[in-house]
Amino acid sequence: MPHHVRERIEAQEVQSLSPFARRSAESRGRQRAEPPDPVRTAFQRDRDRVLHSKSFRRLKHKTQVFISPEGDHYRTRMTHTLEVSQIARTVGRALRLNEDLIEAIALAHDLGHPPFGHAGESALDAAICELDDPIAAVGFRHYEQSLRVVDVLEDLNLTQEVREGIAGHSKGRNDLRETEGEPGGSLEAAVVRICDRIAYLNHDLDDALRAGIIGEVPAIARPFGETHSDRIGGMVEDLIVASYDRPEIRVSPEVLAGLNDLKEWLFEHVYTRYPAVYPEIDKAKALVRALFQRYAANPEELPEGYAGARGAVDYVAGMTDRFAMETFLRLTMPESWRRPRG
C-alpha cells in the first residue's frame, strides 16, 4: 500500500471541509510526540485507540439511568455513547466539520463514568469529599475522570483537540446557551456537547416510558415530533440550519427554549422521581460508597497499579455494575452464603 494515503486524506480535508473545521494536519499534537501513521490521520488514530480500549468495552455493562432493568432494550452507557456519536456525526457531515474528530470525542466522552450511572457518580463524589486527603478538595466529576482515563489509566496519548473535547463535553443540569462551545474550542467539540444533550433527553424519555416512570410523552416534548425518531430529527435539523456556514454552533431560540424546558421536566419527573419509585438506586449508591471507603482505608487490597486514595477512585470508577456487585459480595459476605442453595 502506498504511504501517501494519510497525506491524500489530509489534502481532501483542506478542499472539502468548512473553513471553520479543524483539520487533521493542523492538530496541535499529542502530549508525547509520535511519528505519523502512514494511513490514518491523527484524529482517526484517536478514534481507533478509544474504540479498542478496555474502558470503552466496559461501557456495555455500565448503567445509563435505569439500574438493572428487566428488559433488553434499555440504554447502557455504551449505547448512549454510540447514539451520541451517530447524531454528532450526522450534524458534523452536514456542517462539513471533521467527522473523525467528532467521533473520537463522542466515543471517549463518558469513559470515566463509574458504575450505576449518575447515582454512582454522586455517591463516589460524596464519599471522596469526606476523606481527610487532598483529593477531597477535587471530588469526582465523570468528565474529569474520562480525561484521566485516556491520559493516565489507558495512556492513549490523544491529540489536544480530542482531550479538550472530552474535558468540555458536560453541562450537567445547566441550560444550553444560544451558542455552545468553550472559548477557543473546536466546533466539533461543541457539536458533541449539544448532541450529548439531544441524545440523552430523547433516549431517557423513551426509557422512562418503557419503565413506567411516566405514562405518556409530555406535552412539552410534542412540539418536537410525535415519535422518538421525529423528535431527534427535528432537533438535529434545527441545529444544522442554525449553524450552517457559521463560526459557531447554535440552535434556534424556539428549540433552545424547548430543549431547556424538556431537560428541566425530565429532572423533575424522571431523574429525581426515579429513586423514590425504585429504592434500589439508594442501594447502588451505598454499594459504591462502601467499596470506595473499603479501598481508601485499605489501599493494600487494591490490585497492582493502583495506590492510595487516588487509586481507590480509579479502581472503583472503572468497575462495571456487575463487577462492582460481585466485588461487594466477595468483600462483605462469607463465601458459603454466596453459593446457590440446592
Foldseek 3Di string as FASTA:
>chain_A
DDLCQQVVVQVVLVVQAFPQADGLVPFPFFPDHDDAHSHHGQLLLLLVLLVPDPLLVLQQQADAADDPDDDDPADTSNVLLVQLLVLLLVLCVLQRYDSSLLNSLSSLQQSLAFHNHVLLQVLQQVLLLPDPDPCVVVGGDRLVSSLCCCCPVSNVRGTPLSSVLSNPQDDDLDADDQFFDDVVHGQSSRSSNVSSLLSCLLSVQVVCCVVVLDVDDDPLQPVQHDDSVSNSVSQSVQQNVVCHSHSTTGGDPVVSVSSSVSSVVCVVRPNVCVCVVPVVSVVLSVLLSVQLVVCQVPVVPQDPPAGHSVSSSSVRSSDRNVVSVVVSCVVPDDPVVVDDDD
